[in-house]
Amino acid sequence: MSLVSQRGGLIQGSETKNVSEVIHAQAPLATMFGFTTSLRSVSQGRASFSMEFSHFEPKRG
């Protein structure tokens, strides 16, 4: 969860399915490039993720 938060993501919830943990979050697409590498690094290659488009939002700042 901290990897998503570090990239400006908002955690919306989590659930346990069988032997895995599923995290639901929203994060800016621009910050998610390279996320797979970071995720695999901290999980010793066991974790995976998927993403789907949600909405457009004006850039802040």
PDB file of N, CA and C in Angstrom:
ATOM      1  N   MET A   1       0.816  -1.188   0.000  1.00  0.00           N
ATOM      2  CA  MET A   1       0.000   0.000   0.000  1.00  0.00           C
ATOM      3  C   MET A   1       0.866   1.261   0.000  1.00  0.00           C
ATOM      4  N   SER A   2       2.005   1.186   0.657  1.00  0.00           N
ATOM      5  CA  SER A   2       2.852   2.378   0.717  1.00  0.00           C
ATOM      6  C   SER A   2       3.406   2.746  -0.657  1.00  0.00           C
ATOM      7  N   LEU A   3       3.660   1.753  -1.514  1.00  0.00           N
ATOM      8  CA  LEU A   3       4.147   2.056  -2.865  1.00  0.00           C
ATOM      9  C   LEU A   3       3.121   2.881  -3.641  1.00  0.00           C
ATOM     10  N   VAL A   4       1.856   2.548  -3.495  1.00  0.00           N
ATOM     11  CA  VAL A   4       0.793   3.286  -4.180  1.00  0.00           C
ATOM     12  C   VAL A   4       0.686   4.694  -3.596  1.00  0.00           C
ATOM     13  N   SER A   5       0.731   4.804  -2.289  1.00  0.00           N
ATOM     14  CA  SER A   5       0.643   6.120  -1.635  1.00  0.00           C
ATOM     15  C   SER A   5       1.801   7.025  -2.032  1.00  0.00           C
ATOM     16  N   GLN A   6       3.005   6.457  -2.144  1.00  0.00           N
ATOM     17  CA  GLN A   6       4.175   7.239  -2.536  1.00  0.00           C
ATOM     18  C   GLN A   6       4.020   7.827  -3.940  1.00  0.00           C
ATOM     19  N   ARG A   7       3.208   7.194  -4.757  1.00  0.00           N
ATOM     20  CA  ARG A   7       2.998   7.651  -6.131  1.00  0.00           C
ATOM     21  C   ARG A   7       1.746   8.512  -6.267  1.00  0.00           C
ATOM     22  N   GLY A   8       1.221   8.990  -5.156  1.00  0.00           N
ATOM     23  CA  GLY A   8       0.065   9.876  -5.185  1.00  0.00           C
ATOM     24  C   GLY A   8      -1.262   9.149  -5.264  1.00  0.00           C
ATOM     25  N   GLY A   9      -1.260   7.861  -4.985  1.00  0.00           N
ATOM     26  CA  GLY A   9      -2.482   7.066  -5.055  1.00  0.00           C
ATOM     27  C   GLY A   9      -3.311   7.155  -3.797  1.00  0.00           C
ATOM     28  N   LEU A  10      -4.596   6.903  -3.941  1.00  0.00           N
ATOM     29  CA  LEU A  10      -5.529   6.880  -2.824  1.00  0.00           C
ATOM     30  C   LEU A  10      -6.047   5.454  -2.657  1.00  0.00           C
ATOM     31  N   ILE A  11      -5.789   4.861  -1.517  1.00  0.00           N
ATOM     32  CA  ILE A  11      -6.253   3.514  -1.228  1.00  0.00           C
ATOM     33  C   ILE A  11      -7.746   3.573  -0.954  1.00  0.00           C
ATOM     34  N   GLN A  12      -8.511   2.745  -1.643  1.00  0.00           N
ATOM     35  CA  GLN A  12      -9.963   2.737  -1.481  1.00  0.00           C
ATOM     36  C   GLN A  12     -10.449   1.532  -0.688  1.00  0.00           C
ATOM     37  N   GLY A  13      -9.583   0.564  -0.485  1.00  0.00           N
ATOM     38  CA  GLY A  13      -9.957  -0.598   0.305  1.00  0.00           C
ATOM     39  C   GLY A  13      -9.095  -1.792  -0.033  1.00  0.00           C
ATOM     40  N   SER A  14      -9.289  -2.843   0.738  1.00  0.00           N
ATOM     41  CA  SER A  14      -8.567  -4.081   0.482  1.00  0.00           C
ATOM     42  C   SER A  14      -9.452  -5.256   0.866  1.00  0.00           C
ATOM     43  N   GLU A  15      -9.125  -6.406   0.326  1.00  0.00           N
ATOM     44  CA  GLU A  15      -9.868  -7.619   0.640  1.00  0.00           C
ATOM     45  C   GLU A  15      -8.943  -8.820   0.506  1.00  0.00           C
ATOM     46  N   THR A  16      -9.266  -9.871   1.234  1.00  0.00           N
ATOM     47  CA  THR A  16      -8.497 -11.103   1.169  1.00  0.00           C
ATOM     48  C   THR A  16      -9.257 -12.094   0.313  1.00  0.00           C
ATOM     49  N   LYS A  17      -8.563 -12.624  -0.687  1.00  0.00           N
ATOM     50  CA  LYS A  17      -9.147 -13.638  -1.574  1.00  0.00           C
ATOM     51  C   LYS A  17      -8.234 -14.852  -1.562  1.00  0.00           C
ATOM     52  N   ASN A  18      -8.754 -15.984  -1.090  1.00  0.00           N
ATOM     53  CA  ASN A  18      -7.970 -17.223  -0.980  1.00  0.00           C
ATOM     54  C   ASN A  18      -6.680 -16.947  -0.217  1.00  0.00           C
ATOM     55  N   VAL A  19      -5.549 -16.997  -0.872  1.00  0.00           N
ATOM     56  CA  VAL A  19      -4.257 -16.782  -0.206  1.00  0.00           C
ATOM     57  C   VAL A  19      -3.613 -15.463  -0.623  1.00  0.00           C
ATOM     58  N   SER A  20      -4.396 -14.551  -1.186  1.00  0.00           N
ATOM     59  CA  SER A  20      -3.825 -13.286  -1.641  1.00  0.00           C
ATOM     60  C   SER A  20      -4.586 -12.098  -1.060  1.00  0.00           C
ATOM     61  N   GLU A  21      -3.936 -10.957  -1.086  1.00  0.00           N
ATOM     62  CA  GLU A  21      -4.525  -9.705  -0.634  1.00  0.00           C
ATOM     63  C   GLU A  21      -4.751  -8.829  -1.859  1.00  0.00           C
ATOM     64  N   VAL A  22      -5.962  -8.303  -2.016  1.00  0.00           N
ATOM     65  CA  VAL A  22      -6.296  -7.443  -3.152  1.00  0.00           C
ATOM     66  C   VAL A  22      -6.479  -6.026  -2.615  1.00  0.00           C
ATOM     67  N   ILE A  23      -5.733  -5.090  -3.199  1.00  0.00           N
ATOM     68  CA  ILE A  23      -5.801  -3.684  -2.809  1.00  0.00           C
ATOM     69  C   ILE A  23      -6.499  -2.919  -3.922  1.00  0.00           C
ATOM     70  N   HIS A  24      -7.502  -2.119  -3.568  1.00  0.00           N
ATOM     71  CA  HIS A  24      -8.201  -1.270  -4.542  1.00  0.00           C
ATOM     72  C   HIS A  24      -7.749   0.170  -4.294  1.00  0.00           C
ATOM     73  N   ALA A  25      -7.284   0.815  -5.360  1.00  0.00           N
ATOM     74  CA  ALA A  25      -6.764   2.176  -5.224  1.00  0.00           C
ATOM     75  C   ALA A  25      -6.915   2.932  -6.532  1.00  0.00           C
ATOM     76  N   GLN A  26      -6.803   4.249  -6.449  1.00  0.00           N
ATOM     77  CA  GLN A  26      -6.741   5.098  -7.637  1.00  0.00           C
ATOM     78  C   GLN A  26      -5.439   5.869  -7.570  1.00  0.00           C
ATOM     79  N   ALA A  27      -4.749   5.959  -8.715  1.00  0.00           N
ATOM     80  CA  ALA A  27      -3.482   6.680  -8.781  1.00  0.00           C
ATOM     81  C   ALA A  27      -3.338   7.307 -10.152  1.00  0.00           C
ATOM     82  N   PRO A  28      -2.633   8.424 -10.247  1.00  0.00           N
ATOM     83  CA  PRO A  28      -2.399   9.052 -11.549  1.00  0.00           C
ATOM     84  C   PRO A  28      -1.588   8.130 -12.461  1.00  0.00           C
ATOM     85  N   LEU A  29      -2.022   7.966 -13.688  1.00  0.00           N
ATOM     86  CA  LEU A  29      -1.334   7.101 -14.636  1.00  0.00           C
ATOM     87  C   LEU A  29       0.127   7.502 -14.810  1.00  0.00           C
ATOM     88  N   ALA A  30       0.390   8.797 -14.846  1.00  0.00           N
ATOM     89  CA  ALA A  30       1.751   9.286 -15.073  1.00  0.00           C
ATOM     90  C   ALA A  30       2.733   8.808 -14.003  1.00  0.00           C
ATOM     91  N   THR A  31       2.250   8.502 -12.814  1.00  0.00           N
ATOM     92  CA  THR A  31       3.146   8.061 -11.746  1.00  0.00           C
ATOM     93  C   THR A  31       3.283   6.546 -11.680  1.00  0.00           C
ATOM     94  N   MET A  32       2.524   5.819 -12.471  1.00  0.00           N
ATOM     95  CA  MET A  32       2.514   4.358 -12.365  1.00  0.00           C
ATOM     96  C   MET A  32       3.518   3.660 -13.282  1.00  0.00           C
ATOM     97  N   PHE A  33       4.186   4.392 -14.157  1.00  0.00           N
ATOM     98  CA  PHE A  33       5.190   3.771 -15.009  1.00  0.00           C
ATOM     99  C   PHE A  33       6.352   3.298 -14.143  1.00  0.00           C
ATOM    100  N   GLY A  34       6.765   2.067 -14.287  1.00  0.00           N
ATOM    101  CA  GLY A  34       7.815   1.486 -13.469  1.00  0.00           C
ATOM    102  C   GLY A  34       7.310   0.859 -12.185  1.00  0.00           C
ATOM    103  N   PHE A  35       6.002   0.904 -11.950  1.00  0.00           N
ATOM    104  CA  PHE A  35       5.432   0.360 -10.715  1.00  0.00           C
ATOM    105  C   PHE A  35       5.641  -1.146 -10.614  1.00  0.00           C
ATOM    106  N   THR A  36       5.525  -1.855 -11.722  1.00  0.00           N
ATOM    107  CA  THR A  36       5.699  -3.307 -11.709  1.00  0.00           C
ATOM    108  C   THR A  36       7.069  -3.677 -11.164  1.00  0.00           C
ATOM    109  N   THR A  37       8.096  -2.978 -11.598  1.00  0.00           N
ATOM    110  CA  THR A  37       9.451  -3.251 -11.135  1.00  0.00           C
ATOM    111  C   THR A  37       9.569  -3.040  -9.629  1.00  0.00           C
ATOM    112  N   SER A  38       9.013  -1.944  -9.134  1.00  0.00           N
ATOM    113  CA  SER A  38       9.060  -1.658  -7.699  1.00  0.00           C
ATOM    114  C   SER A  38       8.284  -2.700  -6.903  1.00  0.00           C
ATOM    115  N   LEU A  39       7.118  -3.053  -7.395  1.00  0.00           N
ATOM    116  CA  LEU A  39       6.268  -4.022  -6.701  1.00  0.00           C
ATOM    117  C   LEU A  39       6.931  -5.390  -6.634  1.00  0.00           C
ATOM    118  N   ARG A  40       7.476  -5.833  -7.737  1.00  0.00           N
ATOM    119  CA  ARG A  40       8.150  -7.141  -7.761  1.00  0.00           C
ATOM    120  C   ARG A  40       9.383  -7.135  -6.862  1.00  0.00           C
ATOM    121  N   SER A  41      10.057  -6.008  -6.789  1.00  0.00           N
ATOM    122  CA  SER A  41      11.248  -5.897  -5.961  1.00  0.00           C
ATOM    123  C   SER A  41      10.906  -6.077  -4.478  1.00  0.00           C
ATOM    124  N   VAL A  42       9.878  -5.386  -3.997  1.00  0.00           N
ATOM    125  CA  VAL A  42       9.531  -5.479  -2.574  1.00  0.00           C
ATOM    126  C   VAL A  42       8.824  -6.784  -2.221  1.00  0.00           C
ATOM    127  N   SER A  43       8.275  -7.477  -3.203  1.00  0.00           N
ATOM    128  CA  SER A  43       7.547  -8.726  -2.925  1.00  0.00           C
ATOM    129  C   SER A  43       8.338  -9.963  -3.340  1.00  0.00           C
ATOM    130  N   GLN A  44       9.604  -9.782  -3.648  1.00  0.00           N
ATOM    131  CA  GLN A  44      10.470 -10.874  -4.088  1.00  0.00           C
ATOM    132  C   GLN A  44       9.893 -11.597  -5.306  1.00  0.00           C
ATOM    133  N   GLY A  45       9.266 -10.834  -6.201  1.00  0.00           N
ATOM    134  CA  GLY A  45       8.755 -11.368  -7.462  1.00  0.00           C
ATOM    135  C   GLY A  45       7.401 -12.044  -7.393  1.00  0.00           C
ATOM    136  N   ARG A  46       6.741 -12.016  -6.247  1.00  0.00           N
ATOM    137  CA  ARG A  46       5.476 -12.743  -6.095  1.00  0.00           C
ATOM    138  C   ARG A  46       4.231 -11.918  -6.391  1.00  0.00           C
ATOM    139  N   ALA A  47       4.310 -10.614  -6.289  1.00  0.00           N
ATOM    140  CA  ALA A  47       3.124  -9.771  -6.453  1.00  0.00           C
ATOM    141  C   ALA A  47       2.903  -9.386  -7.914  1.00  0.00           C
ATOM    142  N   SER A  48       1.674  -9.073  -8.235  1.00  0.00           N
ATOM    143  CA  SER A  48       1.331  -8.564  -9.560  1.00  0.00           C
ATOM    144  C   SER A  48       0.246  -7.515  -9.384  1.00  0.00           C
ATOM    145  N   PHE A  49      -0.003  -6.757 -10.446  1.00  0.00           N
ATOM    146  CA  PHE A  49      -1.078  -5.782 -10.367  1.00  0.00           C
ATOM    147  C   PHE A  49      -1.684  -5.586 -11.743  1.00  0.00           C
ATOM    148  N   SER A  50      -2.874  -5.038 -11.742  1.00  0.00           N
ATOM    149  CA  SER A  50      -3.530  -4.660 -12.992  1.00  0.00           C
ATOM    150  C   SER A  50      -4.153  -3.297 -12.776  1.00  0.00           C
ATOM    151  N   MET A  51      -4.389  -2.602 -13.867  1.00  0.00           N
ATOM    152  CA  MET A  51      -5.030  -1.293 -13.755  1.00  0.00           C
ATOM    153  C   MET A  51      -5.978  -1.094 -14.912  1.00  0.00           C
ATOM    154  N   GLU A  52      -6.956  -0.242 -14.668  1.00  0.00           N
ATOM    155  CA  GLU A  52      -7.908   0.115 -15.714  1.00  0.00           C
ATOM    156  C   GLU A  52      -8.224   1.596 -15.584  1.00  0.00           C
ATOM    157  N   PHE A  53      -8.547   2.206 -16.708  1.00  0.00           N
ATOM    158  CA  PHE A  53      -8.846   3.630 -16.731  1.00  0.00           C
ATOM    159  C   PHE A  53     -10.097   3.912 -15.915  1.00  0.00           C
ATOM    160  N   SER A  54     -10.066   4.973 -15.124  1.00  0.00           N
ATOM    161  CA  SER A  54     -11.212   5.364 -14.313  1.00  0.00           C
ATOM    162  C   SER A  54     -11.826   6.669 -14.829  1.00  0.00           C
ATOM    163  N   HIS A  55     -11.025   7.740 -14.858  1.00  0.00           N
ATOM    164  CA  HIS A  55     -11.558   9.048 -15.252  1.00  0.00           C
ATOM    165  C   HIS A  55     -10.413  10.030 -15.517  1.00  0.00           C
ATOM    166  N   PHE A  56     -10.756  11.119 -16.166  1.00  0.00           N
ATOM    167  CA  PHE A  56      -9.822  12.228 -16.339  1.00  0.00           C
ATOM    168  C   PHE A  56     -10.004  13.169 -15.169  1.00  0.00           C
ATOM    169  N   GLU A  57      -8.913  13.811 -14.761  1.00  0.00           N
ATOM    170  CA  GLU A  57      -8.984  14.797 -13.701  1.00  0.00           C
ATOM    171  C   GLU A  57      -7.976  15.900 -14.038  1.00  0.00           C
ATOM    172  N   PRO A  58      -8.357  17.162 -13.889  1.00  0.00           N
ATOM    173  CA  PRO A  58      -7.417  18.244 -14.190  1.00  0.00           C
ATOM    174  C   PRO A  58      -6.157  18.132 -13.339  1.00  0.00           C
ATOM    175  N   LYS A  59      -5.021  18.474 -13.926  1.00  0.00           N
ATOM    176  CA  LYS A  59      -3.744  18.426 -13.211  1.00  0.00           C
ATOM    177  C   LYS A  59      -3.736  19.491 -12.126  1.00  0.00           C
ATOM    178  N   ARG A  60      -3.294  19.110 -10.955  1.00  0.00           N
ATOM    179  CA  ARG A  60      -3.228  20.069  -9.835  1.00  0.00           C
ATOM    180  C   ARG A  60      -1.822  20.616  -9.710  1.00  0.00           C
ATOM    181  N   GLY A  61      -1.732  21.817  -9.166  1.00  0.00           N
ATOM    182  CA  GLY A  61      -0.441  22.383  -8.827  1.00  0.00           C
ATOM    183  C   GLY A  61       0.164  23.145  -9.905  1.00  0.00           C
TER     184      GLY A  61
END
